[in-house]
């Protein structure tokens, strides 16, 4: 979000220097472009999982996602940490 604000301010300053109307200079546009750039960077830096462990890692990630749908009274931090540790172990 901070990066999107930086880009928005830079776009406003650039448009003010050129005396042009604020075309495509909305915060939403800057936020969309920033998210795209962050997703591309995350994809490039994602750990490579050996082929033998891909299915298991996919299942573990689904389990982590399903933890979000448990009732608030159920503690999930320890289980999430254990699942993430196993994913890290399989990715190494």
PDB file of N, CA and C in Angstrom:
ATOM      1  N   UNK A   1       0.828  -1.181   0.000  1.00  0.00           N
ATOM      2  CA  UNK A   1       0.000   0.000   0.000  1.00  0.00           C
ATOM      3  C   UNK A   1       0.875   1.249   0.000  1.00  0.00           C
ATOM      4  N   UNK A   2       1.968   1.185   0.779  1.00  0.00           N
ATOM      5  CA  UNK A   2       2.868   2.341   0.819  1.00  0.00           C
ATOM      6  C   UNK A   2       3.464   2.613  -0.557  1.00  0.00           C
ATOM      7  N   UNK A   3       3.833   1.530  -1.226  1.00  0.00           N
ATOM      8  CA  UNK A   3       4.430   1.672  -2.557  1.00  0.00           C
ATOM      9  C   UNK A   3       3.436   2.295  -3.533  1.00  0.00           C
ATOM     10  N   UNK A   4       2.163   1.937  -3.411  1.00  0.00           N
ATOM     11  CA  UNK A   4       1.141   2.507  -4.288  1.00  0.00           C
ATOM     12  C   UNK A   4       1.005   4.007  -4.054  1.00  0.00           C
ATOM     13  N   UNK A   5       1.063   4.435  -2.791  1.00  0.00           N
ATOM     14  CA  UNK A   5       0.997   5.873  -2.502  1.00  0.00           C
ATOM     15  C   UNK A   5       2.204   6.603  -3.072  1.00  0.00           C
ATOM     16  N   UNK A   6       3.371   5.980  -2.978  1.00  0.00           N
ATOM     17  CA  UNK A   6       4.574   6.593  -3.548  1.00  0.00           C
ATOM     18  C   UNK A   6       4.413   6.766  -5.053  1.00  0.00           C
ATOM     19  N   UNK A   7       3.934   5.722  -5.708  1.00  0.00           N
ATOM     20  CA  UNK A   7       3.738   5.790  -7.155  1.00  0.00           C
ATOM     21  C   UNK A   7       2.688   6.839  -7.522  1.00  0.00           C
ATOM     22  N   UNK A   8       1.642   6.934  -6.719  1.00  0.00           N
ATOM     23  CA  UNK A   8       0.580   7.910  -6.974  1.00  0.00           C
ATOM     24  C   UNK A   8       1.127   9.336  -6.865  1.00  0.00           C
ATOM     25  N   UNK A   9       1.901   9.582  -5.815  1.00  0.00           N
ATOM     26  CA  UNK A   9       2.477  10.926  -5.651  1.00  0.00           C
ATOM     27  C   UNK A   9       3.437  11.259  -6.787  1.00  0.00           C
ATOM     28  N   UNK A  10       4.233  10.274  -7.196  1.00  0.00           N
ATOM     29  CA  UNK A  10       5.149  10.497  -8.314  1.00  0.00           C
ATOM     30  C   UNK A  10       4.381  10.789  -9.603  1.00  0.00           C
ATOM     31  N   UNK A  11       3.293  10.076  -9.815  1.00  0.00           N
ATOM     32  CA  UNK A  11       2.490  10.294 -11.023  1.00  0.00           C
ATOM     33  C   UNK A  11       1.869  11.685 -10.997  1.00  0.00           C
ATOM     34  N   UNK A  12       1.376  12.109  -9.846  1.00  0.00           N
ATOM     35  CA  UNK A  12       0.805  13.449  -9.741  1.00  0.00           C
ATOM     36  C   UNK A  12       1.867  14.513 -10.004  1.00  0.00           C
ATOM     37  N   UNK A  13       3.054  14.330  -9.439  1.00  0.00           N
ATOM     38  CA  UNK A  13       4.130  15.297  -9.633  1.00  0.00           C
ATOM     39  C   UNK A  13       4.558  15.339 -11.094  1.00  0.00           C
ATOM     40  N   UNK A  14       4.645  14.182 -11.733  1.00  0.00           N
ATOM     41  CA  UNK A  14       5.044  14.125 -13.141  1.00  0.00           C
ATOM     42  C   UNK A  14       4.018  14.821 -14.023  1.00  0.00           C
ATOM     43  N   UNK A  15       2.732  14.574 -13.754  1.00  0.00           N
ATOM     44  CA  UNK A  15       1.688  15.229 -14.531  1.00  0.00           C
ATOM     45  C   UNK A  15       1.673  16.737 -14.299  1.00  0.00           C
ATOM     46  N   UNK A  16       1.969  17.164 -13.100  1.00  0.00           N
ATOM     47  CA  UNK A  16       2.001  18.599 -12.809  1.00  0.00           C
ATOM     48  C   UNK A  16       3.153  19.276 -13.554  1.00  0.00           C
ATOM     49  N   UNK A  17       4.280  18.586 -13.693  1.00  0.00           N
ATOM     50  CA  UNK A  17       5.428  19.151 -14.411  1.00  0.00           C
ATOM     51  C   UNK A  17       5.122  19.310 -15.894  1.00  0.00           C
ATOM     52  N   UNK A  18       4.378  18.357 -16.444  1.00  0.00           N
ATOM     53  CA  UNK A  18       4.109  18.382 -17.884  1.00  0.00           C
ATOM     54  C   UNK A  18       2.854  19.177 -18.227  1.00  0.00           C
ATOM     55  N   UNK A  19       2.150  19.659 -17.223  1.00  0.00           N
ATOM     56  CA  UNK A  19       0.912  20.417 -17.421  1.00  0.00           C
ATOM     57  C   UNK A  19      -0.105  19.640 -18.244  1.00  0.00           C
ATOM     58  N   UNK A  20      -0.222  18.366 -17.958  1.00  0.00           N
ATOM     59  CA  UNK A  20      -1.189  17.528 -18.667  1.00  0.00           C
ATOM     60  C   UNK A  20      -2.317  17.171 -17.709  1.00  0.00           C
ATOM     61  N   UNK A  21      -3.465  16.811 -18.225  1.00  0.00           N
ATOM     62  CA  UNK A  21      -4.543  16.371 -17.337  1.00  0.00           C
ATOM     63  C   UNK A  21      -4.161  15.064 -16.645  1.00  0.00           C
ATOM     64  N   UNK A  22      -4.823  14.765 -15.573  1.00  0.00           N
ATOM     65  CA  UNK A  22      -4.497  13.584 -14.766  1.00  0.00           C
ATOM     66  C   UNK A  22      -5.063  12.315 -15.388  1.00  0.00           C
ATOM     67  N   UNK A  23      -4.545  11.933 -16.514  1.00  0.00           N
ATOM     68  CA  UNK A  23      -4.985  10.699 -17.160  1.00  0.00           C
ATOM     69  C   UNK A  23      -4.367   9.508 -16.444  1.00  0.00           C
ATOM     70  N   UNK A  24      -5.193   8.519 -16.165  1.00  0.00           N
ATOM     71  CA  UNK A  24      -4.736   7.286 -15.511  1.00  0.00           C
ATOM     72  C   UNK A  24      -3.902   7.568 -14.269  1.00  0.00           C
ATOM     73  N   UNK A  25      -4.218   8.631 -13.601  1.00  0.00           N
ATOM     74  CA  UNK A  25      -3.456   9.000 -12.421  1.00  0.00           C
ATOM     75  C   UNK A  25      -4.346   8.885 -11.188  1.00  0.00           C
ATOM     76  N   UNK A  26      -5.086   7.795 -11.119  1.00  0.00           N
ATOM     77  CA  UNK A  26      -5.902   7.572  -9.943  1.00  0.00           C
ATOM     78  C   UNK A  26      -5.148   6.656  -8.997  1.00  0.00           C
ATOM     79  N   UNK A  27      -5.514   6.720  -7.733  1.00  0.00           N
ATOM     80  CA  UNK A  27      -4.861   5.845  -6.766  1.00  0.00           C
ATOM     81  C   UNK A  27      -5.152   4.387  -7.088  1.00  0.00           C
ATOM     82  N   UNK A  28      -6.355   4.105  -7.550  1.00  0.00           N
ATOM     83  CA  UNK A  28      -6.703   2.730  -7.901  1.00  0.00           C
ATOM     84  C   UNK A  28      -5.811   2.171  -8.996  1.00  0.00           C
ATOM     85  N   UNK A  29      -5.496   2.994  -9.977  1.00  0.00           N
ATOM     86  CA  UNK A  29      -4.605   2.559 -11.059  1.00  0.00           C
ATOM     87  C   UNK A  29      -3.204   2.278 -10.523  1.00  0.00           C
ATOM     88  N   UNK A  30      -2.710   3.164  -9.662  1.00  0.00           N
ATOM     89  CA  UNK A  30      -1.383   2.952  -9.072  1.00  0.00           C
ATOM     90  C   UNK A  30      -1.365   1.708  -8.189  1.00  0.00           C
ATOM     91  N   UNK A  31      -2.443   1.493  -7.459  1.00  0.00           N
ATOM     92  CA  UNK A  31      -2.529   0.311  -6.611  1.00  0.00           C
ATOM     93  C   UNK A  31      -2.537  -0.961  -7.455  1.00  0.00           C
ATOM     94  N   UNK A  32      -3.280  -0.964  -8.548  1.00  0.00           N
ATOM     95  CA  UNK A  32      -3.333  -2.130  -9.438  1.00  0.00           C
ATOM     96  C   UNK A  32      -1.959  -2.436 -10.019  1.00  0.00           C
ATOM     97  N   UNK A  33      -1.269  -1.409 -10.491  1.00  0.00           N
ATOM     98  CA  UNK A  33       0.056  -1.617 -11.077  1.00  0.00           C
ATOM     99  C   UNK A  33       1.065  -2.089 -10.031  1.00  0.00           C
ATOM    100  N   UNK A  34       0.964  -1.558  -8.823  1.00  0.00           N
ATOM    101  CA  UNK A  34       1.874  -1.978  -7.756  1.00  0.00           C
ATOM    102  C   UNK A  34       1.634  -3.432  -7.395  1.00  0.00           C
ATOM    103  N   UNK A  35       0.357  -3.849  -7.299  1.00  0.00           N
ATOM    104  CA  UNK A  35       0.052  -5.244  -6.992  1.00  0.00           C
ATOM    105  C   UNK A  35       0.582  -6.169  -8.081  1.00  0.00           C
ATOM    106  N   UNK A  36       0.449  -5.766  -9.321  1.00  0.00           N
ATOM    107  CA  UNK A  36       0.973  -6.588 -10.419  1.00  0.00           C
ATOM    108  C   UNK A  36       2.483  -6.755 -10.291  1.00  0.00           C
ATOM    109  N   UNK A  37       3.175  -5.659  -9.999  1.00  0.00           N
ATOM    110  CA  UNK A  37       4.632  -5.722  -9.869  1.00  0.00           C
ATOM    111  C   UNK A  37       5.035  -6.605  -8.684  1.00  0.00           C
ATOM    112  N   UNK A  38       4.315  -6.495  -7.574  1.00  0.00           N
ATOM    113  CA  UNK A  38       4.639  -7.304  -6.392  1.00  0.00           C
ATOM    114  C   UNK A  38       4.379  -8.786  -6.652  1.00  0.00           C
ATOM    115  N   UNK A  39       3.297  -9.102  -7.373  1.00  0.00           N
ATOM    116  CA  UNK A  39       3.009 -10.495  -7.694  1.00  0.00           C
ATOM    117  C   UNK A  39       4.085 -11.091  -8.588  1.00  0.00           C
ATOM    118  N   UNK A  40       4.535 -10.305  -9.585  1.00  0.00           N
ATOM    119  CA  UNK A  40       5.604 -10.792 -10.460  1.00  0.00           C
ATOM    120  C   UNK A  40       6.882 -11.026  -9.665  1.00  0.00           C
ATOM    121  N   UNK A  41       7.205 -10.117  -8.752  1.00  0.00           N
ATOM    122  CA  UNK A  41       8.418 -10.269  -7.937  1.00  0.00           C
ATOM    123  C   UNK A  41       8.300 -11.488  -7.026  1.00  0.00           C
ATOM    124  N   UNK A  42       7.124 -11.721  -6.462  1.00  0.00           N
ATOM    125  CA  UNK A  42       6.928 -12.877  -5.590  1.00  0.00           C
ATOM    126  C   UNK A  42       7.038 -14.180  -6.368  1.00  0.00           C
ATOM    127  N   UNK A  43       6.522 -14.175  -7.597  1.00  0.00           N
ATOM    128  CA  UNK A  43       6.598 -15.375  -8.427  1.00  0.00           C
ATOM    129  C   UNK A  43       8.044 -15.713  -8.768  1.00  0.00           C
ATOM    130  N   UNK A  44       8.824 -14.666  -9.060  1.00  0.00           N
ATOM    131  CA  UNK A  44      10.228 -14.895  -9.404  1.00  0.00           C
ATOM    132  C   UNK A  44      11.030 -15.396  -8.211  1.00  0.00           C
ATOM    133  N   UNK A  45      10.684 -14.955  -7.002  1.00  0.00           N
ATOM    134  CA  UNK A  45      11.474 -15.324  -5.828  1.00  0.00           C
ATOM    135  C   UNK A  45      10.887 -16.505  -5.063  1.00  0.00           C
ATOM    136  N   UNK A  46       9.828 -17.121  -5.569  1.00  0.00           N
ATOM    137  CA  UNK A  46       9.208 -18.254  -4.883  1.00  0.00           C
ATOM    138  C   UNK A  46      10.173 -19.439  -4.862  1.00  0.00           C
ATOM    139  N   UNK A  47      10.202 -20.150  -3.739  1.00  0.00           N
ATOM    140  CA  UNK A  47      11.102 -21.302  -3.658  1.00  0.00           C
ATOM    141  C   UNK A  47      10.676 -22.400  -4.621  1.00  0.00           C
ATOM    142  N   UNK A  48      11.646 -23.075  -5.170  1.00  0.00           N
ATOM    143  CA  UNK A  48      11.374 -24.160  -6.105  1.00  0.00           C
ATOM    144  C   UNK A  48      11.174 -25.439  -5.301  1.00  0.00           C
ATOM    145  N   UNK A  49      10.053 -26.088  -5.521  1.00  0.00           N
ATOM    146  CA  UNK A  49       9.715 -27.306  -4.796  1.00  0.00           C
ATOM    147  C   UNK A  49      10.062 -28.494  -5.682  1.00  0.00           C
ATOM    148  N   UNK A  50      10.792 -29.482  -5.136  1.00  0.00           N
ATOM    149  CA  UNK A  50      11.080 -30.681  -5.926  1.00  0.00           C
ATOM    150  C   UNK A  50       9.791 -31.347  -6.400  1.00  0.00           C
ATOM    151  N   UNK A  51       9.851 -31.944  -7.562  1.00  0.00           N
ATOM    152  CA  UNK A  51       8.655 -32.515  -8.196  1.00  0.00           C
ATOM    153  C   UNK A  51       7.987 -33.569  -7.326  1.00  0.00           C
ATOM    154  N   UNK A  52       8.760 -34.306  -6.561  1.00  0.00           N
ATOM    155  CA  UNK A  52       8.196 -35.368  -5.733  1.00  0.00           C
ATOM    156  C   UNK A  52       7.328 -34.800  -4.610  1.00  0.00           C
ATOM    157  N   UNK A  53       7.571 -33.553  -4.205  1.00  0.00           N
ATOM    158  CA  UNK A  53       6.868 -32.970  -3.062  1.00  0.00           C
ATOM    159  C   UNK A  53       5.773 -31.980  -3.449  1.00  0.00           C
ATOM    160  N   UNK A  54       5.569 -31.764  -4.722  1.00  0.00           N
ATOM    161  CA  UNK A  54       4.621 -30.735  -5.165  1.00  0.00           C
ATOM    162  C   UNK A  54       3.209 -31.021  -4.658  1.00  0.00           C
ATOM    163  N   UNK A  55       2.765 -32.253  -4.785  1.00  0.00           N
ATOM    164  CA  UNK A  55       1.407 -32.598  -4.374  1.00  0.00           C
ATOM    165  C   UNK A  55       1.226 -32.408  -2.868  1.00  0.00           C
ATOM    166  N   UNK A  56       2.214 -32.847  -2.098  1.00  0.00           N
ATOM    167  CA  UNK A  56       2.136 -32.712  -0.630  1.00  0.00           C
ATOM    168  C   UNK A  56       2.135 -31.240  -0.220  1.00  0.00           C
ATOM    169  N   UNK A  57       2.982 -30.433  -0.843  1.00  0.00           N
ATOM    170  CA  UNK A  57       3.039 -29.011  -0.528  1.00  0.00           C
ATOM    171  C   UNK A  57       1.725 -28.331  -0.891  1.00  0.00           C
ATOM    172  N   UNK A  58       1.132 -28.704  -2.004  1.00  0.00           N
ATOM    173  CA  UNK A  58      -0.157 -28.146  -2.408  1.00  0.00           C
ATOM    174  C   UNK A  58      -1.225 -28.482  -1.373  1.00  0.00           C
ATOM    175  N   UNK A  59      -1.238 -29.719  -0.898  1.00  0.00           N
ATOM    176  CA  UNK A  59      -2.203 -30.122   0.120  1.00  0.00           C
ATOM    177  C   UNK A  59      -1.990 -29.353   1.425  1.00  0.00           C
ATOM    178  N   UNK A  60      -0.726 -29.168   1.814  1.00  0.00           N
ATOM    179  CA  UNK A  60      -0.428 -28.419   3.032  1.00  0.00           C
ATOM    180  C   UNK A  60      -0.862 -26.970   2.917  1.00  0.00           C
ATOM    181  N   UNK A  61      -0.668 -26.367   1.757  1.00  0.00           N
ATOM    182  CA  UNK A  61      -1.110 -24.982   1.560  1.00  0.00           C
ATOM    183  C   UNK A  61      -2.626 -24.877   1.634  1.00  0.00           C
ATOM    184  N   UNK A  62      -3.322 -25.877   1.117  1.00  0.00           N
ATOM    185  CA  UNK A  62      -4.780 -25.882   1.224  1.00  0.00           C
ATOM    186  C   UNK A  62      -5.214 -25.992   2.684  1.00  0.00           C
ATOM    187  N   UNK A  63      -4.493 -26.807   3.465  1.00  0.00           N
ATOM    188  CA  UNK A  63      -4.808 -26.933   4.885  1.00  0.00           C
ATOM    189  C   UNK A  63      -4.590 -25.607   5.610  1.00  0.00           C
ATOM    190  N   UNK A  64      -3.520 -24.899   5.252  1.00  0.00           N
ATOM    191  CA  UNK A  64      -3.271 -23.590   5.865  1.00  0.00           C
ATOM    192  C   UNK A  64      -4.394 -22.630   5.516  1.00  0.00           C
ATOM    193  N   UNK A  65      -4.836 -22.658   4.280  1.00  0.00           N
ATOM    194  CA  UNK A  65      -5.935 -21.783   3.861  1.00  0.00           C
ATOM    195  C   UNK A  65      -7.218 -22.136   4.612  1.00  0.00           C
ATOM    196  N   UNK A  66      -7.457 -23.415   4.841  1.00  0.00           N
ATOM    197  CA  UNK A  66      -8.664 -23.845   5.553  1.00  0.00           C
ATOM    198  C   UNK A  66      -8.639 -23.452   7.025  1.00  0.00           C
ATOM    199  N   UNK A  67      -7.458 -23.215   7.574  1.00  0.00           N
ATOM    200  CA  UNK A  67      -7.380 -22.780   8.969  1.00  0.00           C
ATOM    201  C   UNK A  67      -8.084 -21.442   9.176  1.00  0.00           C
ATOM    202  N   UNK A  68      -8.130 -20.620   8.145  1.00  0.00           N
ATOM    203  CA  UNK A  68      -8.770 -19.306   8.263  1.00  0.00           C
ATOM    204  C   UNK A  68     -10.266 -19.414   8.502  1.00  0.00           C
ATOM    205  N   UNK A  69     -10.855 -20.537   8.216  1.00  0.00           N
ATOM    206  CA  UNK A  69     -12.299 -20.702   8.326  1.00  0.00           C
ATOM    207  C   UNK A  69     -12.721 -21.388   9.616  1.00  0.00           C
ATOM    208  N   UNK A  70     -11.800 -21.565  10.532  1.00  0.00           N
ATOM    209  CA  UNK A  70     -12.140 -22.135  11.821  1.00  0.00           C
ATOM    210  C   UNK A  70     -12.718 -21.052  12.731  1.00  0.00           C
ATOM    211  N   UNK A  71     -13.471 -21.456  13.749  1.00  0.00           N
ATOM    212  CA  UNK A  71     -14.002 -20.466  14.688  1.00  0.00           C
ATOM    213  C   UNK A  71     -12.865 -19.711  15.394  1.00  0.00           C
ATOM    214  N   UNK A  72     -13.168 -18.476  15.802  1.00  0.00           N
ATOM    215  CA  UNK A  72     -12.144 -17.642  16.427  1.00  0.00           C
ATOM    216  C   UNK A  72     -11.643 -18.206  17.746  1.00  0.00           C
ATOM    217  N   UNK A  73     -12.447 -18.974  18.405  1.00  0.00           N
ATOM    218  CA  UNK A  73     -12.042 -19.519  19.709  1.00  0.00           C
ATOM    219  C   UNK A  73     -10.995 -20.623  19.588  1.00  0.00           C
ATOM    220  N   UNK A  74     -10.861 -21.181  18.422  1.00  0.00           N
ATOM    221  CA  UNK A  74      -9.891 -22.265  18.222  1.00  0.00           C
ATOM    222  C   UNK A  74      -8.522 -21.669  17.891  1.00  0.00           C
ATOM    223  N   UNK A  75      -7.507 -21.977  18.685  1.00  0.00           N
ATOM    224  CA  UNK A  75      -6.167 -21.458  18.384  1.00  0.00           C
ATOM    225  C   UNK A  75      -5.583 -22.185  17.176  1.00  0.00           C
ATOM    226  N   UNK A  76      -5.084 -21.410  16.222  1.00  0.00           N
ATOM    227  CA  UNK A  76      -4.544 -22.019  15.003  1.00  0.00           C
ATOM    228  C   UNK A  76      -3.078 -21.682  14.782  1.00  0.00           C
ATOM    229  N   UNK A  77      -2.500 -20.842  15.620  1.00  0.00           N
ATOM    230  CA  UNK A  77      -1.128 -20.381  15.397  1.00  0.00           C
ATOM    231  C   UNK A  77      -0.137 -21.539  15.405  1.00  0.00           C
ATOM    232  N   UNK A  78      -0.264 -22.435  16.374  1.00  0.00           N
ATOM    233  CA  UNK A  78       0.686 -23.549  16.470  1.00  0.00           C
ATOM    234  C   UNK A  78       0.552 -24.488  15.278  1.00  0.00           C
ATOM    235  N   UNK A  79      -0.694 -24.753  14.883  1.00  0.00           N
ATOM    236  CA  UNK A  79      -0.908 -25.645  13.740  1.00  0.00           C
ATOM    237  C   UNK A  79      -0.399 -25.012  12.445  1.00  0.00           C
ATOM    238  N   UNK A  80      -0.645 -23.703  12.302  1.00  0.00           N
ATOM    239  CA  UNK A  80      -0.156 -22.988  11.117  1.00  0.00           C
ATOM    240  C   UNK A  80       1.376 -23.031  11.064  1.00  0.00           C
ATOM    241  N   UNK A  81       2.018 -22.812  12.211  1.00  0.00           N
ATOM    242  CA  UNK A  81       3.482 -22.837  12.264  1.00  0.00           C
ATOM    243  C   UNK A  81       4.016 -24.220  11.904  1.00  0.00           C
ATOM    244  N   UNK A  82       3.350 -25.271  12.390  1.00  0.00           N
ATOM    245  CA  UNK A  82       3.786 -26.634  12.078  1.00  0.00           C
ATOM    246  C   UNK A  82       3.645 -26.923  10.587  1.00  0.00           C
ATOM    247  N   UNK A  83       2.527 -26.498   9.996  1.00  0.00           N
ATOM    248  CA  UNK A  83       2.327 -26.716   8.559  1.00  0.00           C
ATOM    249  C   UNK A  83       3.335 -25.939   7.732  1.00  0.00           C
ATOM    250  N   UNK A  84       3.596 -24.703   8.111  1.00  0.00           N
ATOM    251  CA  UNK A  84       4.584 -23.892   7.382  1.00  0.00           C
ATOM    252  C   UNK A  84       5.989 -24.470   7.531  1.00  0.00           C
ATOM    253  N   UNK A  85       6.305 -25.015   8.723  1.00  0.00           N
ATOM    254  CA  UNK A  85       7.614 -25.647   8.916  1.00  0.00           C
ATOM    255  C   UNK A  85       7.753 -26.855   8.012  1.00  0.00           C
ATOM    256  N   UNK A  86       6.686 -27.642   7.877  1.00  0.00           N
ATOM    257  CA  UNK A  86       6.754 -28.806   7.001  1.00  0.00           C
ATOM    258  C   UNK A  86       6.897 -28.407   5.539  1.00  0.00           C
ATOM    259  N   UNK A  87       6.201 -27.339   5.143  1.00  0.00           N
ATOM    260  CA  UNK A  87       6.354 -26.839   3.766  1.00  0.00           C
ATOM    261  C   UNK A  87       7.782 -26.412   3.531  1.00  0.00           C
ATOM    262  N   UNK A  88       8.376 -25.690   4.486  1.00  0.00           N
ATOM    263  CA  UNK A  88       9.768 -25.251   4.349  1.00  0.00           C
ATOM    264  C   UNK A  88      10.720 -26.435   4.265  1.00  0.00           C
ATOM    265  N   UNK A  89      10.433 -27.457   5.059  1.00  0.00           N
ATOM    266  CA  UNK A  89      11.283 -28.657   5.045  1.00  0.00           C
ATOM    267  C   UNK A  89      11.193 -29.368   3.702  1.00  0.00           C
ATOM    268  N   UNK A  90       9.987 -29.451   3.142  1.00  0.00           N
ATOM    269  CA  UNK A  90       9.817 -30.120   1.853  1.00  0.00           C
ATOM    270  C   UNK A  90      10.384 -29.294   0.701  1.00  0.00           C
ATOM    271  N   UNK A  91      10.390 -27.972   0.860  1.00  0.00           N
ATOM    272  CA  UNK A  91      10.907 -27.094  -0.212  1.00  0.00           C
ATOM    273  C   UNK A  91      12.420 -27.072  -0.262  1.00  0.00           C
ATOM    274  N   UNK A  92      13.052 -27.402   0.823  1.00  0.00           N
ATOM    275  CA  UNK A  92      14.527 -27.343   0.880  1.00  0.00           C
ATOM    276  C   UNK A  92      15.179 -28.478   0.148  1.00  0.00           C
TER     277      UNK A  92
END
